[in-house]
Amino acid sequence: EPLNLHAPLVQRLARDFGATWIDET
């Protein structure tokens, strides 16, 4: 998870709802 670039609700998607952080690679 990237640090402090995202609104809390975006961070919450990964933390509480299992969203995966991905990028162009």
PDBML (XML) file of the C-alpha atoms, coordinates in Angstrom:
<?xml version="1.0" encoding="UTF-8" ?>
<PDBx:datablock datablockName="MODEL"
   xmlns:PDBx="http://pdbml.pdb.org/schema/pdbx-v50.xsd"
   xmlns:xsi="http://www.w3.org/2001/XMLSchema-instance"
   xsi:schemaLocation="http://pdbml.pdb.org/schema/pdbx-v50.xsd pdbx-v50.xsd">
   <PDBx:atom_siteCategory>
      <PDBx:atom_site id="1">
         <PDBx:B_iso_or_equiv>0.00</PDBx:B_iso_or_equiv>
         <PDBx:Cartn_x>0.000</PDBx:Cartn_x>
         <PDBx:Cartn_y>0.000</PDBx:Cartn_y>
         <PDBx:Cartn_z>0.000</PDBx:Cartn_z>
         <PDBx:auth_asym_id>A</PDBx:auth_asym_id>
         <PDBx:auth_atom_id>CA</PDBx:auth_atom_id>
         <PDBx:auth_comp_id>GLU</PDBx:auth_comp_id>
         <PDBx:auth_seq_id>1</PDBx:auth_seq_id>
         <PDBx:group_PDB>ATOM</PDBx:group_PDB>
         <PDBx:label_alt_id xsi:nil="true" />
         <PDBx:label_asym_id>A</PDBx:label_asym_id>
         <PDBx:label_atom_id>CA</PDBx:label_atom_id>
         <PDBx:label_comp_id>GLU</PDBx:label_comp_id>
         <PDBx:label_entity_id>1</PDBx:label_entity_id>
         <PDBx:label_seq_id>1</PDBx:label_seq_id>
         <PDBx:occupancy>1.00</PDBx:occupancy>
         <PDBx:pdbx_PDB_model_num>1</PDBx:pdbx_PDB_model_num>
         <PDBx:type_symbol>C</PDBx:type_symbol>
      </PDBx:atom_site>
      <PDBx:atom_site id="2">
         <PDBx:B_iso_or_equiv>0.00</PDBx:B_iso_or_equiv>
         <PDBx:Cartn_x>1.327</PDBx:Cartn_x>
         <PDBx:Cartn_y>3.435</PDBx:Cartn_y>
         <PDBx:Cartn_z>-0.920</PDBx:Cartn_z>
         <PDBx:auth_asym_id>A</PDBx:auth_asym_id>
         <PDBx:auth_atom_id>CA</PDBx:auth_atom_id>
         <PDBx:auth_comp_id>PRO</PDBx:auth_comp_id>
         <PDBx:auth_seq_id>2</PDBx:auth_seq_id>
         <PDBx:group_PDB>ATOM</PDBx:group_PDB>
         <PDBx:label_alt_id xsi:nil="true" />
         <PDBx:label_asym_id>A</PDBx:label_asym_id>
         <PDBx:label_atom_id>CA</PDBx:label_atom_id>
         <PDBx:label_comp_id>PRO</PDBx:label_comp_id>
         <PDBx:label_entity_id>1</PDBx:label_entity_id>
         <PDBx:label_seq_id>2</PDBx:label_seq_id>
         <PDBx:occupancy>1.00</PDBx:occupancy>
         <PDBx:pdbx_PDB_model_num>1</PDBx:pdbx_PDB_model_num>
         <PDBx:type_symbol>C</PDBx:type_symbol>
      </PDBx:atom_site>
      <PDBx:atom_site id="3">
         <PDBx:B_iso_or_equiv>0.00</PDBx:B_iso_or_equiv>
         <PDBx:Cartn_x>1.605</PDBx:Cartn_x>
         <PDBx:Cartn_y>5.776</PDBx:Cartn_y>
         <PDBx:Cartn_z>2.010</PDBx:Cartn_z>
         <PDBx:auth_asym_id>A</PDBx:auth_asym_id>
         <PDBx:auth_atom_id>CA</PDBx:auth_atom_id>
         <PDBx:auth_comp_id>LEU</PDBx:auth_comp_id>
         <PDBx:auth_seq_id>3</PDBx:auth_seq_id>
         <PDBx:group_PDB>ATOM</PDBx:group_PDB>
         <PDBx:label_alt_id xsi:nil="true" />
         <PDBx:label_asym_id>A</PDBx:label_asym_id>
         <PDBx:label_atom_id>CA</PDBx:label_atom_id>
         <PDBx:label_comp_id>LEU</PDBx:label_comp_id>
         <PDBx:label_entity_id>1</PDBx:label_entity_id>
         <PDBx:label_seq_id>3</PDBx:label_seq_id>
         <PDBx:occupancy>1.00</PDBx:occupancy>
         <PDBx:pdbx_PDB_model_num>1</PDBx:pdbx_PDB_model_num>
         <PDBx:type_symbol>C</PDBx:type_symbol>
      </PDBx:atom_site>
      <PDBx:atom_site id="4">
         <PDBx:B_iso_or_equiv>0.00</PDBx:B_iso_or_equiv>
         <PDBx:Cartn_x>-0.374</PDBx:Cartn_x>
         <PDBx:Cartn_y>8.985</PDBx:Cartn_y>
         <PDBx:Cartn_z>2.538</PDBx:Cartn_z>
         <PDBx:auth_asym_id>A</PDBx:auth_asym_id>
         <PDBx:auth_atom_id>CA</PDBx:auth_atom_id>
         <PDBx:auth_comp_id>ASN</PDBx:auth_comp_id>
         <PDBx:auth_seq_id>4</PDBx:auth_seq_id>
         <PDBx:group_PDB>ATOM</PDBx:group_PDB>
         <PDBx:label_alt_id xsi:nil="true" />
         <PDBx:label_asym_id>A</PDBx:label_asym_id>
         <PDBx:label_atom_id>CA</PDBx:label_atom_id>
         <PDBx:label_comp_id>ASN</PDBx:label_comp_id>
         <PDBx:label_entity_id>1</PDBx:label_entity_id>
         <PDBx:label_seq_id>4</PDBx:label_seq_id>
         <PDBx:occupancy>1.00</PDBx:occupancy>
         <PDBx:pdbx_PDB_model_num>1</PDBx:pdbx_PDB_model_num>
         <PDBx:type_symbol>C</PDBx:type_symbol>
      </PDBx:atom_site>
      <PDBx:atom_site id="5">
         <PDBx:B_iso_or_equiv>0.00</PDBx:B_iso_or_equiv>
         <PDBx:Cartn_x>-1.331</PDBx:Cartn_x>
         <PDBx:Cartn_y>9.575</PDBx:Cartn_y>
         <PDBx:Cartn_z>-1.095</PDBx:Cartn_z>
         <PDBx:auth_asym_id>A</PDBx:auth_asym_id>
         <PDBx:auth_atom_id>CA</PDBx:auth_atom_id>
         <PDBx:auth_comp_id>LEU</PDBx:auth_comp_id>
         <PDBx:auth_seq_id>5</PDBx:auth_seq_id>
         <PDBx:group_PDB>ATOM</PDBx:group_PDB>
         <PDBx:label_alt_id xsi:nil="true" />
         <PDBx:label_asym_id>A</PDBx:label_asym_id>
         <PDBx:label_atom_id>CA</PDBx:label_atom_id>
         <PDBx:label_comp_id>LEU</PDBx:label_comp_id>
         <PDBx:label_entity_id>1</PDBx:label_entity_id>
         <PDBx:label_seq_id>5</PDBx:label_seq_id>
         <PDBx:occupancy>1.00</PDBx:occupancy>
         <PDBx:pdbx_PDB_model_num>1</PDBx:pdbx_PDB_model_num>
         <PDBx:type_symbol>C</PDBx:type_symbol>
      </PDBx:atom_site>
      <PDBx:atom_site id="6">
         <PDBx:B_iso_or_equiv>0.00</PDBx:B_iso_or_equiv>
         <PDBx:Cartn_x>-4.915</PDBx:Cartn_x>
         <PDBx:Cartn_y>8.450</PDBx:Cartn_y>
         <PDBx:Cartn_z>-0.811</PDBx:Cartn_z>
         <PDBx:auth_asym_id>A</PDBx:auth_asym_id>
         <PDBx:auth_atom_id>CA</PDBx:auth_atom_id>
         <PDBx:auth_comp_id>HIS</PDBx:auth_comp_id>
         <PDBx:auth_seq_id>6</PDBx:auth_seq_id>
         <PDBx:group_PDB>ATOM</PDBx:group_PDB>
         <PDBx:label_alt_id xsi:nil="true" />
         <PDBx:label_asym_id>A</PDBx:label_asym_id>
         <PDBx:label_atom_id>CA</PDBx:label_atom_id>
         <PDBx:label_comp_id>HIS</PDBx:label_comp_id>
         <PDBx:label_entity_id>1</PDBx:label_entity_id>
         <PDBx:label_seq_id>6</PDBx:label_seq_id>
         <PDBx:occupancy>1.00</PDBx:occupancy>
         <PDBx:pdbx_PDB_model_num>1</PDBx:pdbx_PDB_model_num>
         <PDBx:type_symbol>C</PDBx:type_symbol>
      </PDBx:atom_site>
      <PDBx:atom_site id="7">
         <PDBx:B_iso_or_equiv>0.00</PDBx:B_iso_or_equiv>
         <PDBx:Cartn_x>-8.112</PDBx:Cartn_x>
         <PDBx:Cartn_y>9.492</PDBx:Cartn_y>
         <PDBx:Cartn_z>0.842</PDBx:Cartn_z>
         <PDBx:auth_asym_id>A</PDBx:auth_asym_id>
         <PDBx:auth_atom_id>CA</PDBx:auth_atom_id>
         <PDBx:auth_comp_id>ALA</PDBx:auth_comp_id>
         <PDBx:auth_seq_id>7</PDBx:auth_seq_id>
         <PDBx:group_PDB>ATOM</PDBx:group_PDB>
         <PDBx:label_alt_id xsi:nil="true" />
         <PDBx:label_asym_id>A</PDBx:label_asym_id>
         <PDBx:label_atom_id>CA</PDBx:label_atom_id>
         <PDBx:label_comp_id>ALA</PDBx:label_comp_id>
         <PDBx:label_entity_id>1</PDBx:label_entity_id>
         <PDBx:label_seq_id>7</PDBx:label_seq_id>
         <PDBx:occupancy>1.00</PDBx:occupancy>
         <PDBx:pdbx_PDB_model_num>1</PDBx:pdbx_PDB_model_num>
         <PDBx:type_symbol>C</PDBx:type_symbol>
      </PDBx:atom_site>
      <PDBx:atom_site id="8">
         <PDBx:B_iso_or_equiv>0.00</PDBx:B_iso_or_equiv>
         <PDBx:Cartn_x>-9.045</PDBx:Cartn_x>
         <PDBx:Cartn_y>7.296</PDBx:Cartn_y>
         <PDBx:Cartn_z>3.809</PDBx:Cartn_z>
         <PDBx:auth_asym_id>A</PDBx:auth_asym_id>
         <PDBx:auth_atom_id>CA</PDBx:auth_atom_id>
         <PDBx:auth_comp_id>PRO</PDBx:auth_comp_id>
         <PDBx:auth_seq_id>8</PDBx:auth_seq_id>
         <PDBx:group_PDB>ATOM</PDBx:group_PDB>
         <PDBx:label_alt_id xsi:nil="true" />
         <PDBx:label_asym_id>A</PDBx:label_asym_id>
         <PDBx:label_atom_id>CA</PDBx:label_atom_id>
         <PDBx:label_comp_id>PRO</PDBx:label_comp_id>
         <PDBx:label_entity_id>1</PDBx:label_entity_id>
         <PDBx:label_seq_id>8</PDBx:label_seq_id>
         <PDBx:occupancy>1.00</PDBx:occupancy>
         <PDBx:pdbx_PDB_model_num>1</PDBx:pdbx_PDB_model_num>
         <PDBx:type_symbol>C</PDBx:type_symbol>
      </PDBx:atom_site>
      <PDBx:atom_site id="9">
         <PDBx:B_iso_or_equiv>0.00</PDBx:B_iso_or_equiv>
         <PDBx:Cartn_x>-11.945</PDBx:Cartn_x>
         <PDBx:Cartn_y>5.704</PDBx:Cartn_y>
         <PDBx:Cartn_z>1.888</PDBx:Cartn_z>
         <PDBx:auth_asym_id>A</PDBx:auth_asym_id>
         <PDBx:auth_atom_id>CA</PDBx:auth_atom_id>
         <PDBx:auth_comp_id>LEU</PDBx:auth_comp_id>
         <PDBx:auth_seq_id>9</PDBx:auth_seq_id>
         <PDBx:group_PDB>ATOM</PDBx:group_PDB>
         <PDBx:label_alt_id xsi:nil="true" />
         <PDBx:label_asym_id>A</PDBx:label_asym_id>
         <PDBx:label_atom_id>CA</PDBx:label_atom_id>
         <PDBx:label_comp_id>LEU</PDBx:label_comp_id>
         <PDBx:label_entity_id>1</PDBx:label_entity_id>
         <PDBx:label_seq_id>9</PDBx:label_seq_id>
         <PDBx:occupancy>1.00</PDBx:occupancy>
         <PDBx:pdbx_PDB_model_num>1</PDBx:pdbx_PDB_model_num>
         <PDBx:type_symbol>C</PDBx:type_symbol>
      </PDBx:atom_site>
      <PDBx:atom_site id="10">
         <PDBx:B_iso_or_equiv>0.00</PDBx:B_iso_or_equiv>
         <PDBx:Cartn_x>-9.571</PDBx:Cartn_x>
         <PDBx:Cartn_y>4.593</PDBx:Cartn_y>
         <PDBx:Cartn_z>-0.864</PDBx:Cartn_z>
         <PDBx:auth_asym_id>A</PDBx:auth_asym_id>
         <PDBx:auth_atom_id>CA</PDBx:auth_atom_id>
         <PDBx:auth_comp_id>VAL</PDBx:auth_comp_id>
         <PDBx:auth_seq_id>10</PDBx:auth_seq_id>
         <PDBx:group_PDB>ATOM</PDBx:group_PDB>
         <PDBx:label_alt_id xsi:nil="true" />
         <PDBx:label_asym_id>A</PDBx:label_asym_id>
         <PDBx:label_atom_id>CA</PDBx:label_atom_id>
         <PDBx:label_comp_id>VAL</PDBx:label_comp_id>
         <PDBx:label_entity_id>1</PDBx:label_entity_id>
         <PDBx:label_seq_id>10</PDBx:label_seq_id>
         <PDBx:occupancy>1.00</PDBx:occupancy>
         <PDBx:pdbx_PDB_model_num>1</PDBx:pdbx_PDB_model_num>
         <PDBx:type_symbol>C</PDBx:type_symbol>
      </PDBx:atom_site>
      <PDBx:atom_site id="11">
         <PDBx:B_iso_or_equiv>0.00</PDBx:B_iso_or_equiv>
         <PDBx:Cartn_x>-7.143</PDBx:Cartn_x>
         <PDBx:Cartn_y>3.139</PDBx:Cartn_y>
         <PDBx:Cartn_z>1.688</PDBx:Cartn_z>
         <PDBx:auth_asym_id>A</PDBx:auth_asym_id>
         <PDBx:auth_atom_id>CA</PDBx:auth_atom_id>
         <PDBx:auth_comp_id>GLN</PDBx:auth_comp_id>
         <PDBx:auth_seq_id>11</PDBx:auth_seq_id>
         <PDBx:group_PDB>ATOM</PDBx:group_PDB>
         <PDBx:label_alt_id xsi:nil="true" />
         <PDBx:label_asym_id>A</PDBx:label_asym_id>
         <PDBx:label_atom_id>CA</PDBx:label_atom_id>
         <PDBx:label_comp_id>GLN</PDBx:label_comp_id>
         <PDBx:label_entity_id>1</PDBx:label_entity_id>
         <PDBx:label_seq_id>11</PDBx:label_seq_id>
         <PDBx:occupancy>1.00</PDBx:occupancy>
         <PDBx:pdbx_PDB_model_num>1</PDBx:pdbx_PDB_model_num>
         <PDBx:type_symbol>C</PDBx:type_symbol>
      </PDBx:atom_site>
      <PDBx:atom_site id="12">
         <PDBx:B_iso_or_equiv>0.00</PDBx:B_iso_or_equiv>
         <PDBx:Cartn_x>-10.107</PDBx:Cartn_x>
         <PDBx:Cartn_y>1.451</PDBx:Cartn_y>
         <PDBx:Cartn_z>3.382</PDBx:Cartn_z>
         <PDBx:auth_asym_id>A</PDBx:auth_asym_id>
         <PDBx:auth_atom_id>CA</PDBx:auth_atom_id>
         <PDBx:auth_comp_id>ARG</PDBx:auth_comp_id>
         <PDBx:auth_seq_id>12</PDBx:auth_seq_id>
         <PDBx:group_PDB>ATOM</PDBx:group_PDB>
         <PDBx:label_alt_id xsi:nil="true" />
         <PDBx:label_asym_id>A</PDBx:label_asym_id>
         <PDBx:label_atom_id>CA</PDBx:label_atom_id>
         <PDBx:label_comp_id>ARG</PDBx:label_comp_id>
         <PDBx:label_entity_id>1</PDBx:label_entity_id>
         <PDBx:label_seq_id>12</PDBx:label_seq_id>
         <PDBx:occupancy>1.00</PDBx:occupancy>
         <PDBx:pdbx_PDB_model_num>1</PDBx:pdbx_PDB_model_num>
         <PDBx:type_symbol>C</PDBx:type_symbol>
      </PDBx:atom_site>
      <PDBx:atom_site id="13">
         <PDBx:B_iso_or_equiv>0.00</PDBx:B_iso_or_equiv>
         <PDBx:Cartn_x>-10.880</PDBx:Cartn_x>
         <PDBx:Cartn_y>-0.509</PDBx:Cartn_y>
         <PDBx:Cartn_z>0.197</PDBx:Cartn_z>
         <PDBx:auth_asym_id>A</PDBx:auth_asym_id>
         <PDBx:auth_atom_id>CA</PDBx:auth_atom_id>
         <PDBx:auth_comp_id>LEU</PDBx:auth_comp_id>
         <PDBx:auth_seq_id>13</PDBx:auth_seq_id>
         <PDBx:group_PDB>ATOM</PDBx:group_PDB>
         <PDBx:label_alt_id xsi:nil="true" />
         <PDBx:label_asym_id>A</PDBx:label_asym_id>
         <PDBx:label_atom_id>CA</PDBx:label_atom_id>
         <PDBx:label_comp_id>LEU</PDBx:label_comp_id>
         <PDBx:label_entity_id>1</PDBx:label_entity_id>
         <PDBx:label_seq_id>13</PDBx:label_seq_id>
         <PDBx:occupancy>1.00</PDBx:occupancy>
         <PDBx:pdbx_PDB_model_num>1</PDBx:pdbx_PDB_model_num>
         <PDBx:type_symbol>C</PDBx:type_symbol>
      </PDBx:atom_site>
      <PDBx:atom_site id="14">
         <PDBx:B_iso_or_equiv>0.00</PDBx:B_iso_or_equiv>
         <PDBx:Cartn_x>-7.579</PDBx:Cartn_x>
         <PDBx:Cartn_y>-2.360</PDBx:Cartn_y>
         <PDBx:Cartn_z>0.564</PDBx:Cartn_z>
         <PDBx:auth_asym_id>A</PDBx:auth_asym_id>
         <PDBx:auth_atom_id>CA</PDBx:auth_atom_id>
         <PDBx:auth_comp_id>ALA</PDBx:auth_comp_id>
         <PDBx:auth_seq_id>14</PDBx:auth_seq_id>
         <PDBx:group_PDB>ATOM</PDBx:group_PDB>
         <PDBx:label_alt_id xsi:nil="true" />
         <PDBx:label_asym_id>A</PDBx:label_asym_id>
         <PDBx:label_atom_id>CA</PDBx:label_atom_id>
         <PDBx:label_comp_id>ALA</PDBx:label_comp_id>
         <PDBx:label_entity_id>1</PDBx:label_entity_id>
         <PDBx:label_seq_id>14</PDBx:label_seq_id>
         <PDBx:occupancy>1.00</PDBx:occupancy>
         <PDBx:pdbx_PDB_model_num>1</PDBx:pdbx_PDB_model_num>
         <PDBx:type_symbol>C</PDBx:type_symbol>
      </PDBx:atom_site>
      <PDBx:atom_site id="15">
         <PDBx:B_iso_or_equiv>0.00</PDBx:B_iso_or_equiv>
         <PDBx:Cartn_x>-7.523</PDBx:Cartn_x>
         <PDBx:Cartn_y>-2.528</PDBx:Cartn_y>
         <PDBx:Cartn_z>4.346</PDBx:Cartn_z>
         <PDBx:auth_asym_id>A</PDBx:auth_asym_id>
         <PDBx:auth_atom_id>CA</PDBx:auth_atom_id>
         <PDBx:auth_comp_id>ARG</PDBx:auth_comp_id>
         <PDBx:auth_seq_id>15</PDBx:auth_seq_id>
         <PDBx:group_PDB>ATOM</PDBx:group_PDB>
         <PDBx:label_alt_id xsi:nil="true" />
         <PDBx:label_asym_id>A</PDBx:label_asym_id>
         <PDBx:label_atom_id>CA</PDBx:label_atom_id>
         <PDBx:label_comp_id>ARG</PDBx:label_comp_id>
         <PDBx:label_entity_id>1</PDBx:label_entity_id>
         <PDBx:label_seq_id>15</PDBx:label_seq_id>
         <PDBx:occupancy>1.00</PDBx:occupancy>
         <PDBx:pdbx_PDB_model_num>1</PDBx:pdbx_PDB_model_num>
         <PDBx:type_symbol>C</PDBx:type_symbol>
      </PDBx:atom_site>
      <PDBx:atom_site id="16">
         <PDBx:B_iso_or_equiv>0.00</PDBx:B_iso_or_equiv>
         <PDBx:Cartn_x>-11.131</PDBx:Cartn_x>
         <PDBx:Cartn_y>-3.552</PDBx:Cartn_y>
         <PDBx:Cartn_z>5.036</PDBx:Cartn_z>
         <PDBx:auth_asym_id>A</PDBx:auth_asym_id>
         <PDBx:auth_atom_id>CA</PDBx:auth_atom_id>
         <PDBx:auth_comp_id>ASP</PDBx:auth_comp_id>
         <PDBx:auth_seq_id>16</PDBx:auth_seq_id>
         <PDBx:group_PDB>ATOM</PDBx:group_PDB>
         <PDBx:label_alt_id xsi:nil="true" />
         <PDBx:label_asym_id>A</PDBx:label_asym_id>
         <PDBx:label_atom_id>CA</PDBx:label_atom_id>
         <PDBx:label_comp_id>ASP</PDBx:label_comp_id>
         <PDBx:label_entity_id>1</PDBx:label_entity_id>
         <PDBx:label_seq_id>16</PDBx:label_seq_id>
         <PDBx:occupancy>1.00</PDBx:occupancy>
         <PDBx:pdbx_PDB_model_num>1</PDBx:pdbx_PDB_model_num>
         <PDBx:type_symbol>C</PDBx:type_symbol>
      </PDBx:atom_site>
      <PDBx:atom_site id="17">
         <PDBx:B_iso_or_equiv>0.00</PDBx:B_iso_or_equiv>
         <PDBx:Cartn_x>-12.515</PDBx:Cartn_x>
         <PDBx:Cartn_y>-4.893</PDBx:Cartn_y>
         <PDBx:Cartn_z>1.755</PDBx:Cartn_z>
         <PDBx:auth_asym_id>A</PDBx:auth_asym_id>
         <PDBx:auth_atom_id>CA</PDBx:auth_atom_id>
         <PDBx:auth_comp_id>PHE</PDBx:auth_comp_id>
         <PDBx:auth_seq_id>17</PDBx:auth_seq_id>
         <PDBx:group_PDB>ATOM</PDBx:group_PDB>
         <PDBx:label_alt_id xsi:nil="true" />
         <PDBx:label_asym_id>A</PDBx:label_asym_id>
         <PDBx:label_atom_id>CA</PDBx:label_atom_id>
         <PDBx:label_comp_id>PHE</PDBx:label_comp_id>
         <PDBx:label_entity_id>1</PDBx:label_entity_id>
         <PDBx:label_seq_id>17</PDBx:label_seq_id>
         <PDBx:occupancy>1.00</PDBx:occupancy>
         <PDBx:pdbx_PDB_model_num>1</PDBx:pdbx_PDB_model_num>
         <PDBx:type_symbol>C</PDBx:type_symbol>
      </PDBx:atom_site>
      <PDBx:atom_site id="18">
         <PDBx:B_iso_or_equiv>0.00</PDBx:B_iso_or_equiv>
         <PDBx:Cartn_x>-9.632</PDBx:Cartn_x>
         <PDBx:Cartn_y>-6.857</PDBx:Cartn_y>
         <PDBx:Cartn_z>0.281</PDBx:Cartn_z>
         <PDBx:auth_asym_id>A</PDBx:auth_asym_id>
         <PDBx:auth_atom_id>CA</PDBx:auth_atom_id>
         <PDBx:auth_comp_id>GLY</PDBx:auth_comp_id>
         <PDBx:auth_seq_id>18</PDBx:auth_seq_id>
         <PDBx:group_PDB>ATOM</PDBx:group_PDB>
         <PDBx:label_alt_id xsi:nil="true" />
         <PDBx:label_asym_id>A</PDBx:label_asym_id>
         <PDBx:label_atom_id>CA</PDBx:label_atom_id>
         <PDBx:label_comp_id>GLY</PDBx:label_comp_id>
         <PDBx:label_entity_id>1</PDBx:label_entity_id>
         <PDBx:label_seq_id>18</PDBx:label_seq_id>
         <PDBx:occupancy>1.00</PDBx:occupancy>
         <PDBx:pdbx_PDB_model_num>1</PDBx:pdbx_PDB_model_num>
         <PDBx:type_symbol>C</PDBx:type_symbol>
      </PDBx:atom_site>
      <PDBx:atom_site id="19">
         <PDBx:B_iso_or_equiv>0.00</PDBx:B_iso_or_equiv>
         <PDBx:Cartn_x>-8.818</PDBx:Cartn_x>
         <PDBx:Cartn_y>-4.609</PDBx:Cartn_y>
         <PDBx:Cartn_z>-2.674</PDBx:Cartn_z>
         <PDBx:auth_asym_id>A</PDBx:auth_asym_id>
         <PDBx:auth_atom_id>CA</PDBx:auth_atom_id>
         <PDBx:auth_comp_id>ALA</PDBx:auth_comp_id>
         <PDBx:auth_seq_id>19</PDBx:auth_seq_id>
         <PDBx:group_PDB>ATOM</PDBx:group_PDB>
         <PDBx:label_alt_id xsi:nil="true" />
         <PDBx:label_asym_id>A</PDBx:label_asym_id>
         <PDBx:label_atom_id>CA</PDBx:label_atom_id>
         <PDBx:label_comp_id>ALA</PDBx:label_comp_id>
         <PDBx:label_entity_id>1</PDBx:label_entity_id>
         <PDBx:label_seq_id>19</PDBx:label_seq_id>
         <PDBx:occupancy>1.00</PDBx:occupancy>
         <PDBx:pdbx_PDB_model_num>1</PDBx:pdbx_PDB_model_num>
         <PDBx:type_symbol>C</PDBx:type_symbol>
      </PDBx:atom_site>
      <PDBx:atom_site id="20">
         <PDBx:B_iso_or_equiv>0.00</PDBx:B_iso_or_equiv>
         <PDBx:Cartn_x>-5.418</PDBx:Cartn_x>
         <PDBx:Cartn_y>-5.224</PDBx:Cartn_y>
         <PDBx:Cartn_z>-4.225</PDBx:Cartn_z>
         <PDBx:auth_asym_id>A</PDBx:auth_asym_id>
         <PDBx:auth_atom_id>CA</PDBx:auth_atom_id>
         <PDBx:auth_comp_id>THR</PDBx:auth_comp_id>
         <PDBx:auth_seq_id>20</PDBx:auth_seq_id>
         <PDBx:group_PDB>ATOM</PDBx:group_PDB>
         <PDBx:label_alt_id xsi:nil="true" />
         <PDBx:label_asym_id>A</PDBx:label_asym_id>
         <PDBx:label_atom_id>CA</PDBx:label_atom_id>
         <PDBx:label_comp_id>THR</PDBx:label_comp_id>
         <PDBx:label_entity_id>1</PDBx:label_entity_id>
         <PDBx:label_seq_id>20</PDBx:label_seq_id>
         <PDBx:occupancy>1.00</PDBx:occupancy>
         <PDBx:pdbx_PDB_model_num>1</PDBx:pdbx_PDB_model_num>
         <PDBx:type_symbol>C</PDBx:type_symbol>
      </PDBx:atom_site>
      <PDBx:atom_site id="21">
         <PDBx:B_iso_or_equiv>0.00</PDBx:B_iso_or_equiv>
         <PDBx:Cartn_x>-2.943</PDBx:Cartn_x>
         <PDBx:Cartn_y>-2.409</PDBx:Cartn_y>
         <PDBx:Cartn_z>-4.892</PDBx:Cartn_z>
         <PDBx:auth_asym_id>A</PDBx:auth_asym_id>
         <PDBx:auth_atom_id>CA</PDBx:auth_atom_id>
         <PDBx:auth_comp_id>TRP</PDBx:auth_comp_id>
         <PDBx:auth_seq_id>21</PDBx:auth_seq_id>
         <PDBx:group_PDB>ATOM</PDBx:group_PDB>
         <PDBx:label_alt_id xsi:nil="true" />
         <PDBx:label_asym_id>A</PDBx:label_asym_id>
         <PDBx:label_atom_id>CA</PDBx:label_atom_id>
         <PDBx:label_comp_id>TRP</PDBx:label_comp_id>
         <PDBx:label_entity_id>1</PDBx:label_entity_id>
         <PDBx:label_seq_id>21</PDBx:label_seq_id>
         <PDBx:occupancy>1.00</PDBx:occupancy>
         <PDBx:pdbx_PDB_model_num>1</PDBx:pdbx_PDB_model_num>
         <PDBx:type_symbol>C</PDBx:type_symbol>
      </PDBx:atom_site>
      <PDBx:atom_site id="22">
         <PDBx:B_iso_or_equiv>0.00</PDBx:B_iso_or_equiv>
         <PDBx:Cartn_x>-1.825</PDBx:Cartn_x>
         <PDBx:Cartn_y>-2.642</PDBx:Cartn_y>
         <PDBx:Cartn_z>-8.537</PDBx:Cartn_z>
         <PDBx:auth_asym_id>A</PDBx:auth_asym_id>
         <PDBx:auth_atom_id>CA</PDBx:auth_atom_id>
         <PDBx:auth_comp_id>ILE</PDBx:auth_comp_id>
         <PDBx:auth_seq_id>22</PDBx:auth_seq_id>
         <PDBx:group_PDB>ATOM</PDBx:group_PDB>
         <PDBx:label_alt_id xsi:nil="true" />
         <PDBx:label_asym_id>A</PDBx:label_asym_id>
         <PDBx:label_atom_id>CA</PDBx:label_atom_id>
         <PDBx:label_comp_id>ILE</PDBx:label_comp_id>
         <PDBx:label_entity_id>1</PDBx:label_entity_id>
         <PDBx:label_seq_id>22</PDBx:label_seq_id>
         <PDBx:occupancy>1.00</PDBx:occupancy>
         <PDBx:pdbx_PDB_model_num>1</PDBx:pdbx_PDB_model_num>
         <PDBx:type_symbol>C</PDBx:type_symbol>
      </PDBx:atom_site>
      <PDBx:atom_site id="23">
         <PDBx:B_iso_or_equiv>0.00</PDBx:B_iso_or_equiv>
         <PDBx:Cartn_x>0.033</PDBx:Cartn_x>
         <PDBx:Cartn_y>-0.469</PDBx:Cartn_y>
         <PDBx:Cartn_z>-11.023</PDBx:Cartn_z>
         <PDBx:auth_asym_id>A</PDBx:auth_asym_id>
         <PDBx:auth_atom_id>CA</PDBx:auth_atom_id>
         <PDBx:auth_comp_id>ASP</PDBx:auth_comp_id>
         <PDBx:auth_seq_id>23</PDBx:auth_seq_id>
         <PDBx:group_PDB>ATOM</PDBx:group_PDB>
         <PDBx:label_alt_id xsi:nil="true" />
         <PDBx:label_asym_id>A</PDBx:label_asym_id>
         <PDBx:label_atom_id>CA</PDBx:label_atom_id>
         <PDBx:label_comp_id>ASP</PDBx:label_comp_id>
         <PDBx:label_entity_id>1</PDBx:label_entity_id>
         <PDBx:label_seq_id>23</PDBx:label_seq_id>
         <PDBx:occupancy>1.00</PDBx:occupancy>
         <PDBx:pdbx_PDB_model_num>1</PDBx:pdbx_PDB_model_num>
         <PDBx:type_symbol>C</PDBx:type_symbol>
      </PDBx:atom_site>
      <PDBx:atom_site id="24">
         <PDBx:B_iso_or_equiv>0.00</PDBx:B_iso_or_equiv>
         <PDBx:Cartn_x>0.859</PDBx:Cartn_x>
         <PDBx:Cartn_y>-0.455</PDBx:Cartn_y>
         <PDBx:Cartn_z>-14.738</PDBx:Cartn_z>
         <PDBx:auth_asym_id>A</PDBx:auth_asym_id>
         <PDBx:auth_atom_id>CA</PDBx:auth_atom_id>
         <PDBx:auth_comp_id>GLU</PDBx:auth_comp_id>
         <PDBx:auth_seq_id>24</PDBx:auth_seq_id>
         <PDBx:group_PDB>ATOM</PDBx:group_PDB>
         <PDBx:label_alt_id xsi:nil="true" />
         <PDBx:label_asym_id>A</PDBx:label_asym_id>
         <PDBx:label_atom_id>CA</PDBx:label_atom_id>
         <PDBx:label_comp_id>GLU</PDBx:label_comp_id>
         <PDBx:label_entity_id>1</PDBx:label_entity_id>
         <PDBx:label_seq_id>24</PDBx:label_seq_id>
         <PDBx:occupancy>1.00</PDBx:occupancy>
         <PDBx:pdbx_PDB_model_num>1</PDBx:pdbx_PDB_model_num>
         <PDBx:type_symbol>C</PDBx:type_symbol>
      </PDBx:atom_site>
      <PDBx:atom_site id="25">
         <PDBx:B_iso_or_equiv>0.00</PDBx:B_iso_or_equiv>
         <PDBx:Cartn_x>3.308</PDBx:Cartn_x>
         <PDBx:Cartn_y>-3.336</PDBx:Cartn_y>
         <PDBx:Cartn_z>-14.264</PDBx:Cartn_z>
         <PDBx:auth_asym_id>A</PDBx:auth_asym_id>
         <PDBx:auth_atom_id>CA</PDBx:auth_atom_id>
         <PDBx:auth_comp_id>THR</PDBx:auth_comp_id>
         <PDBx:auth_seq_id>25</PDBx:auth_seq_id>
         <PDBx:group_PDB>ATOM</PDBx:group_PDB>
         <PDBx:label_alt_id xsi:nil="true" />
         <PDBx:label_asym_id>A</PDBx:label_asym_id>
         <PDBx:label_atom_id>CA</PDBx:label_atom_id>
         <PDBx:label_comp_id>THR</PDBx:label_comp_id>
         <PDBx:label_entity_id>1</PDBx:label_entity_id>
         <PDBx:label_seq_id>25</PDBx:label_seq_id>
         <PDBx:occupancy>1.00</PDBx:occupancy>
         <PDBx:pdbx_PDB_model_num>1</PDBx:pdbx_PDB_model_num>
         <PDBx:type_symbol>C</PDBx:type_symbol>
      </PDBx:atom_site>
   </PDBx:atom_siteCategory>
</PDBx:datablock>
